Amino acid sequence: MAPAATLVADEIAGSANSLSFGRTKDGKKLRIRAYPKFESLEEERLYRKQHLAAAFRVLVVHFHPNVSL
């Protein structure tokens, strides 16, 4: 079972897009970017497509020995 943790706004960064989720091994706050808010469905779909394509590129290059981008 995963340890319990709560998400709180990060006071150090002062950004609404940054969340604190636990601590690193050094004791620093672990900052994770929050999911952005979109005004339209088209903007959200474009954001998701771009990030999914980037993730696939990273995975293909890392796991497939005959592919280079």
PDB file of N, CA and C in Angstrom:
ATOM      1  N   MET A   1       0.839  -1.180   0.000  1.00  0.00           N
ATOM      2  CA  MET A   1       0.000   0.000   0.000  1.00  0.00           C
ATOM      3  C   MET A   1       0.883   1.241   0.000  1.00  0.00           C
ATOM      4  N   ALA A   2       0.539   2.223  -0.810  1.00  0.00           N
ATOM      5  CA  ALA A   2       1.330   3.439  -0.933  1.00  0.00           C
ATOM      6  C   ALA A   2       1.171   4.303   0.315  1.00  0.00           C
ATOM      7  N   PRO A   3       2.218   5.045   0.680  1.00  0.00           N
ATOM      8  CA  PRO A   3       2.100   5.914   1.852  1.00  0.00           C
ATOM      9  C   PRO A   3       1.117   7.046   1.591  1.00  0.00           C
ATOM     10  N   ALA A   4       0.445   7.455   2.635  1.00  0.00           N
ATOM     11  CA  ALA A   4      -0.533   8.540   2.519  1.00  0.00           C
ATOM     12  C   ALA A   4       0.197   9.866   2.340  1.00  0.00           C
ATOM     13  N   ALA A   5      -0.327  10.706   1.488  1.00  0.00           N
ATOM     14  CA  ALA A   5       0.264  12.024   1.258  1.00  0.00           C
ATOM     15  C   ALA A   5      -0.837  12.984   0.874  1.00  0.00           C
ATOM     16  N   THR A   6      -0.625  14.243   1.160  1.00  0.00           N
ATOM     17  CA  THR A   6      -1.598  15.260   0.788  1.00  0.00           C
ATOM     18  C   THR A   6      -0.946  16.249  -0.153  1.00  0.00           C
ATOM     19  N   LEU A   7      -1.724  16.814  -1.048  1.00  0.00           N
ATOM     20  CA  LEU A   7      -1.239  17.833  -1.970  1.00  0.00           C
ATOM     21  C   LEU A   7      -1.510  19.195  -1.367  1.00  0.00           C
ATOM     22  N   VAL A   8      -0.513  20.036  -1.297  1.00  0.00           N
ATOM     23  CA  VAL A   8      -0.658  21.391  -0.784  1.00  0.00           C
ATOM     24  C   VAL A   8       0.016  22.343  -1.752  1.00  0.00           C
ATOM     25  N   ALA A   9      -0.447  23.585  -1.779  1.00  0.00           N
ATOM     26  CA  ALA A   9       0.165  24.588  -2.649  1.00  0.00           C
ATOM     27  C   ALA A   9       1.592  24.836  -2.186  1.00  0.00           C
ATOM     28  N   ASP A  10       2.489  24.965  -3.112  1.00  0.00           N
ATOM     29  CA  ASP A  10       3.897  25.174  -2.803  1.00  0.00           C
ATOM     30  C   ASP A  10       4.139  26.655  -2.536  1.00  0.00           C
ATOM     31  N   GLU A  11       4.485  26.997  -1.286  1.00  0.00           N
ATOM     32  CA  GLU A  11       4.706  28.394  -0.931  1.00  0.00           C
ATOM     33  C   GLU A  11       6.013  28.928  -1.484  1.00  0.00           C
ATOM     34  N   ILE A  12       7.006  28.064  -1.669  1.00  0.00           N
ATOM     35  CA  ILE A  12       8.318  28.518  -2.123  1.00  0.00           C
ATOM     36  C   ILE A  12       8.256  29.018  -3.564  1.00  0.00           C
ATOM     37  N   ALA A  13       7.653  28.243  -4.436  1.00  0.00           N
ATOM     38  CA  ALA A  13       7.598  28.621  -5.846  1.00  0.00           C
ATOM     39  C   ALA A  13       6.617  29.756  -6.073  1.00  0.00           C
ATOM     40  N   GLY A  14       5.573  29.856  -5.245  1.00  0.00           N
ATOM     41  CA  GLY A  14       4.587  30.913  -5.419  1.00  0.00           C
ATOM     42  C   GLY A  14       3.794  30.755  -6.695  1.00  0.00           C
ATOM     43  N   SER A  15       3.684  29.545  -7.194  1.00  0.00           N
ATOM     44  CA  SER A  15       2.993  29.308  -8.451  1.00  0.00           C
ATOM     45  C   SER A  15       1.777  28.436  -8.216  1.00  0.00           C
ATOM     46  N   ALA A  16       0.683  28.771  -8.872  1.00  0.00           N
ATOM     47  CA  ALA A  16      -0.526  27.966  -8.751  1.00  0.00           C
ATOM     48  C   ALA A  16      -0.377  26.664  -9.529  1.00  0.00           C
ATOM     49  N   ASN A  17       0.616  26.573 -10.422  1.00  0.00           N
ATOM     50  CA  ASN A  17       0.808  25.379 -11.230  1.00  0.00           C
ATOM     51  C   ASN A  17       1.761  24.379 -10.585  1.00  0.00           C
ATOM     52  N   SER A  18       2.259  24.674  -9.412  1.00  0.00           N
ATOM     53  CA  SER A  18       3.209  23.799  -8.750  1.00  0.00           C
ATOM     54  C   SER A  18       2.591  23.253  -7.477  1.00  0.00           C
ATOM     55  N   LEU A  19       2.675  21.938  -7.281  1.00  0.00           N
ATOM     56  CA  LEU A  19       2.149  21.304  -6.085  1.00  0.00           C
ATOM     57  C   LEU A  19       3.268  20.615  -5.335  1.00  0.00           C
ATOM     58  N   SER A  20       3.125  20.519  -4.025  1.00  0.00           N
ATOM     59  CA  SER A  20       4.104  19.826  -3.213  1.00  0.00           C
ATOM     60  C   SER A  20       3.542  18.460  -2.853  1.00  0.00           C
ATOM     61  N   PHE A  21       4.341  17.418  -3.086  1.00  0.00           N
ATOM     62  CA  PHE A  21       3.890  16.055  -2.831  1.00  0.00           C
ATOM     63  C   PHE A  21       5.030  15.308  -2.154  1.00  0.00           C
ATOM     64  N   GLY A  22       5.109  15.411  -0.839  1.00  0.00           N
ATOM     65  CA  GLY A  22       6.154  14.708  -0.116  1.00  0.00           C
ATOM     66  C   GLY A  22       7.482  15.428  -0.169  1.00  0.00           C
ATOM     67  N   ARG A  23       8.548  14.668   0.091  1.00  0.00           N
ATOM     68  CA  ARG A  23       9.893  15.237   0.129  1.00  0.00           C
ATOM     69  C   ARG A  23      10.877  14.342  -0.619  1.00  0.00           C
ATOM     70  N   THR A  24      11.972  14.941  -1.082  1.00  0.00           N
ATOM     71  CA  THR A  24      13.031  14.184  -1.734  1.00  0.00           C
ATOM     72  C   THR A  24      13.901  13.529  -0.665  1.00  0.00           C
ATOM     73  N   LYS A  25      14.890  12.757  -1.090  1.00  0.00           N
ATOM     74  CA  LYS A  25      15.803  12.122  -0.134  1.00  0.00           C
ATOM     75  C   LYS A  25      16.590  13.151   0.663  1.00  0.00           C
ATOM     76  N   ASP A  26      16.831  14.327   0.064  1.00  0.00           N
ATOM     77  CA  ASP A  26      17.581  15.389   0.735  1.00  0.00           C
ATOM     78  C   ASP A  26      16.711  16.212   1.678  1.00  0.00           C
ATOM     79  N   GLY A  27      15.410  15.945   1.707  1.00  0.00           N
ATOM     80  CA  GLY A  27      14.503  16.682   2.578  1.00  0.00           C
ATOM     81  C   GLY A  27      13.853  17.883   1.921  1.00  0.00           C
ATOM     82  N   LYS A  28      14.144  18.122   0.640  1.00  0.00           N
ATOM     83  CA  LYS A  28      13.524  19.246  -0.066  1.00  0.00           C
ATOM     84  C   LYS A  28      12.114  18.864  -0.495  1.00  0.00           C
ATOM     85  N   LYS A  29      11.253  19.872  -0.648  1.00  0.00           N
ATOM     86  CA  LYS A  29       9.899  19.603  -1.117  1.00  0.00           C
ATOM     87  C   LYS A  29       9.941  19.129  -2.563  1.00  0.00           C
ATOM     88  N   LEU A  30       9.182  18.090  -2.858  1.00  0.00           N
ATOM     89  CA  LEU A  30       9.086  17.574  -4.210  1.00  0.00           C
ATOM     90  C   LEU A  30       7.989  18.349  -4.924  1.00  0.00           C
ATOM     91  N   ARG A  31       8.358  19.048  -5.987  1.00  0.00           N
ATOM     92  CA  ARG A  31       7.388  19.877  -6.707  1.00  0.00           C
ATOM     93  C   ARG A  31       6.952  19.180  -7.975  1.00  0.00           C
ATOM     94  N   ILE A  32       5.656  19.075  -8.149  1.00  0.00           N
ATOM     95  CA  ILE A  32       5.071  18.453  -9.327  1.00  0.00           C
ATOM     96  C   ILE A  32       4.143  19.472  -9.974  1.00  0.00           C
ATOM     97  N   ARG A  33       4.272  19.635 -11.280  1.00  0.00           N
ATOM     98  CA  ARG A  33       3.418  20.578 -11.993  1.00  0.00           C
ATOM     99  C   ARG A  33       1.975  20.106 -11.989  1.00  0.00           C
ATOM    100  N   ALA A  34       1.056  21.028 -11.760  1.00  0.00           N
ATOM    101  CA  ALA A  34      -0.372  20.709 -11.808  1.00  0.00           C
ATOM    102  C   ALA A  34      -0.840  20.697 -13.261  1.00  0.00           C
ATOM    103  N   TYR A  35      -1.904  19.969 -13.514  1.00  0.00           N
ATOM    104  CA  TYR A  35      -2.482  19.912 -14.857  1.00  0.00           C
ATOM    105  C   TYR A  35      -3.068  21.279 -15.190  1.00  0.00           C
ATOM    106  N   PRO A  36      -2.744  21.870 -16.347  1.00  0.00           N
ATOM    107  CA  PRO A  36      -3.227  23.213 -16.680  1.00  0.00           C
ATOM    108  C   PRO A  36      -4.732  23.250 -16.943  1.00  0.00           C
ATOM    109  N   LYS A  37      -5.304  24.431 -16.782  1.00  0.00           N
ATOM    110  CA  LYS A  37      -6.724  24.651 -17.071  1.00  0.00           C
ATOM    111  C   LYS A  37      -6.842  25.165 -18.505  1.00  0.00           C
ATOM    112  N   PHE A  38      -7.847  24.678 -19.230  1.00  0.00           N
ATOM    113  CA  PHE A  38      -8.031  25.057 -20.626  1.00  0.00           C
ATOM    114  C   PHE A  38      -9.380  25.730 -20.810  1.00  0.00           C
ATOM    115  N   GLU A  39      -9.426  26.655 -21.763  1.00  0.00           N
ATOM    116  CA  GLU A  39     -10.671  27.359 -22.051  1.00  0.00           C
ATOM    117  C   GLU A  39     -11.548  26.601 -23.026  1.00  0.00           C
ATOM    118  N   SER A  40     -10.941  25.744 -23.841  1.00  0.00           N
ATOM    119  CA  SER A  40     -11.742  25.001 -24.811  1.00  0.00           C
ATOM    120  C   SER A  40     -11.255  23.551 -24.882  1.00  0.00           C
ATOM    121  N   LEU A  41     -12.107  22.708 -25.401  1.00  0.00           N
ATOM    122  CA  LEU A  41     -11.776  21.302 -25.561  1.00  0.00           C
ATOM    123  C   LEU A  41     -10.662  21.120 -26.589  1.00  0.00           C
ATOM    124  N   GLU A  42     -10.649  21.962 -27.619  1.00  0.00           N
ATOM    125  CA  GLU A  42      -9.619  21.859 -28.651  1.00  0.00           C
ATOM    126  C   GLU A  42      -8.230  22.126 -28.085  1.00  0.00           C
ATOM    127  N   GLU A  43      -8.106  23.116 -27.200  1.00  0.00           N
ATOM    128  CA  GLU A  43      -6.818  23.415 -26.583  1.00  0.00           C
ATOM    129  C   GLU A  43      -6.343  22.240 -25.729  1.00  0.00           C
ATOM    130  N   GLU A  44      -7.254  21.640 -24.978  1.00  0.00           N
ATOM    131  CA  GLU A  44      -6.892  20.501 -24.137  1.00  0.00           C
ATOM    132  C   GLU A  44      -6.470  19.302 -24.980  1.00  0.00           C
ATOM    133  N   ARG A  45      -7.175  19.050 -26.075  1.00  0.00           N
ATOM    134  CA  ARG A  45      -6.837  17.929 -26.946  1.00  0.00           C
ATOM    135  C   ARG A  45      -5.466  18.126 -27.588  1.00  0.00           C
ATOM    136  N   LEU A  46      -5.172  19.358 -28.027  1.00  0.00           N
ATOM    137  CA  LEU A  46      -3.866  19.645 -28.608  1.00  0.00           C
ATOM    138  C   LEU A  46      -2.755  19.432 -27.581  1.00  0.00           C
ATOM    139  N   TYR A  47      -2.952  19.900 -26.358  1.00  0.00           N
ATOM    140  CA  TYR A  47      -1.980  19.715 -25.281  1.00  0.00           C
ATOM    141  C   TYR A  47      -1.728  18.225 -25.037  1.00  0.00           C
ATOM    142  N   ARG A  48      -2.795  17.455 -24.950  1.00  0.00           N
ATOM    143  CA  ARG A  48      -2.654  16.016 -24.705  1.00  0.00           C
ATOM    144  C   ARG A  48      -1.954  15.309 -25.858  1.00  0.00           C
ATOM    145  N   LYS A  49      -2.304  15.664 -27.099  1.00  0.00           N
ATOM    146  CA  LYS A  49      -1.657  15.048 -28.267  1.00  0.00           C
ATOM    147  C   LYS A  49      -0.163  15.327 -28.283  1.00  0.00           C
ATOM    148  N   GLN A  50       0.223  16.578 -28.019  1.00  0.00           N
ATOM    149  CA  GLN A  50       1.630  16.954 -28.052  1.00  0.00           C
ATOM    150  C   GLN A  50       2.428  16.222 -26.978  1.00  0.00           C
ATOM    151  N   HIS A  51       1.872  16.129 -25.771  1.00  0.00           N
ATOM    152  CA  HIS A  51       2.588  15.467 -24.688  1.00  0.00           C
ATOM    153  C   HIS A  51       2.627  13.949 -24.867  1.00  0.00           C
ATOM    154  N   LEU A  52       1.587  13.381 -25.420  1.00  0.00           N
ATOM    155  CA  LEU A  52       1.579  11.946 -25.693  1.00  0.00           C
ATOM    156  C   LEU A  52       2.595  11.596 -26.776  1.00  0.00           C
ATOM    157  N   ALA A  53       2.672  12.416 -27.815  1.00  0.00           N
ATOM    158  CA  ALA A  53       3.648  12.185 -28.885  1.00  0.00           C
ATOM    159  C   ALA A  53       5.077  12.280 -28.345  1.00  0.00           C
ATOM    160  N   ALA A  54       5.330  13.248 -27.473  1.00  0.00           N
ATOM    161  CA  ALA A  54       6.663  13.385 -26.885  1.00  0.00           C
ATOM    162  C   ALA A  54       7.008  12.165 -26.029  1.00  0.00           C
ATOM    163  N   ALA A  55       6.046  11.672 -25.266  1.00  0.00           N
ATOM    164  CA  ALA A  55       6.287  10.494 -24.429  1.00  0.00           C
ATOM    165  C   ALA A  55       6.589   9.266 -25.279  1.00  0.00           C
ATOM    166  N   PHE A  56       5.863   9.088 -26.372  1.00  0.00           N
ATOM    167  CA  PHE A  56       6.123   7.956 -27.256  1.00  0.00           C
ATOM    168  C   PHE A  56       7.515   8.044 -27.872  1.00  0.00           C
ATOM    169  N   ARG A  57       7.938   9.243 -28.256  1.00  0.00           N
ATOM    170  CA  ARG A  57       9.278   9.410 -28.829  1.00  0.00           C
ATOM    171  C   ARG A  57      10.353   8.990 -27.832  1.00  0.00           C
ATOM    172  N   VAL A  58      10.182   9.409 -26.585  1.00  0.00           N
ATOM    173  CA  VAL A  58      11.159   9.055 -25.554  1.00  0.00           C
ATOM    174  C   VAL A  58      11.192   7.548 -25.357  1.00  0.00           C
ATOM    175  N   LEU A  59      10.030   6.917 -25.285  1.00  0.00           N
ATOM    176  CA  LEU A  59       9.974   5.477 -25.057  1.00  0.00           C
ATOM    177  C   LEU A  59      10.537   4.684 -26.230  1.00  0.00           C
ATOM    178  N   VAL A  60      10.245   5.109 -27.440  1.00  0.00           N
ATOM    179  CA  VAL A  60      10.747   4.394 -28.617  1.00  0.00           C
ATOM    180  C   VAL A  60      12.266   4.459 -28.670  1.00  0.00           C
ATOM    181  N   VAL A  61      12.826   5.619 -28.471  1.00  0.00           N
ATOM    182  CA  VAL A  61      14.279   5.769 -28.524  1.00  0.00           C
ATOM    183  C   VAL A  61      14.931   4.975 -27.394  1.00  0.00           C
ATOM    184  N   HIS A  62      14.295   4.944 -26.245  1.00  0.00           N
ATOM    185  CA  HIS A  62      14.884   4.259 -25.092  1.00  0.00           C
ATOM    186  C   HIS A  62      14.789   2.738 -25.212  1.00  0.00           C
ATOM    187  N   PHE A  63      13.682   2.223 -25.707  1.00  0.00           N
ATOM    188  CA  PHE A  63      13.457   0.785 -25.685  1.00  0.00           C
ATOM    189  C   PHE A  63      13.667   0.062 -27.006  1.00  0.00           C
ATOM    190  N   HIS A  64      13.737   0.779 -28.118  1.00  0.00           N
ATOM    191  CA  HIS A  64      13.917   0.111 -29.412  1.00  0.00           C
ATOM    192  C   HIS A  64      15.306   0.423 -29.935  1.00  0.00           C
ATOM    193  N   PRO A  65      16.166  -0.585 -30.087  1.00  0.00           N
ATOM    194  CA  PRO A  65      17.571  -0.333 -30.434  1.00  0.00           C
ATOM    195  C   PRO A  65      17.799   0.159 -31.862  1.00  0.00           C
ATOM    196  N   ASN A  66      16.866  -0.066 -32.783  1.00  0.00           N
ATOM    197  CA  ASN A  66      17.087   0.302 -34.189  1.00  0.00           C
ATOM    198  C   ASN A  66      16.480   1.640 -34.576  1.00  0.00           C
ATOM    199  N   VAL A  67      15.951   2.390 -33.624  1.00  0.00           N
ATOM    200  CA  VAL A  67      15.269   3.649 -33.935  1.00  0.00           C
ATOM    201  C   VAL A  67      16.082   4.806 -33.382  1.00  0.00           C
ATOM    202  N   SER A  68      16.249   5.838 -34.197  1.00  0.00           N
ATOM    203  CA  SER A  68      16.849   7.083 -33.731  1.00  0.00           C
ATOM    204  C   SER A  68      16.076   8.230 -34.347  1.00  0.00           C
ATOM    205  N   LEU A  69      15.832   9.247 -33.546  1.00  0.00           N
ATOM    206  CA  LEU A  69      15.063  10.400 -34.045  1.00  0.00           C
ATOM    207  C   LEU A  69      15.950  11.588 -34.299  1.00  0.00           C
TER     208      LEU A  69
END
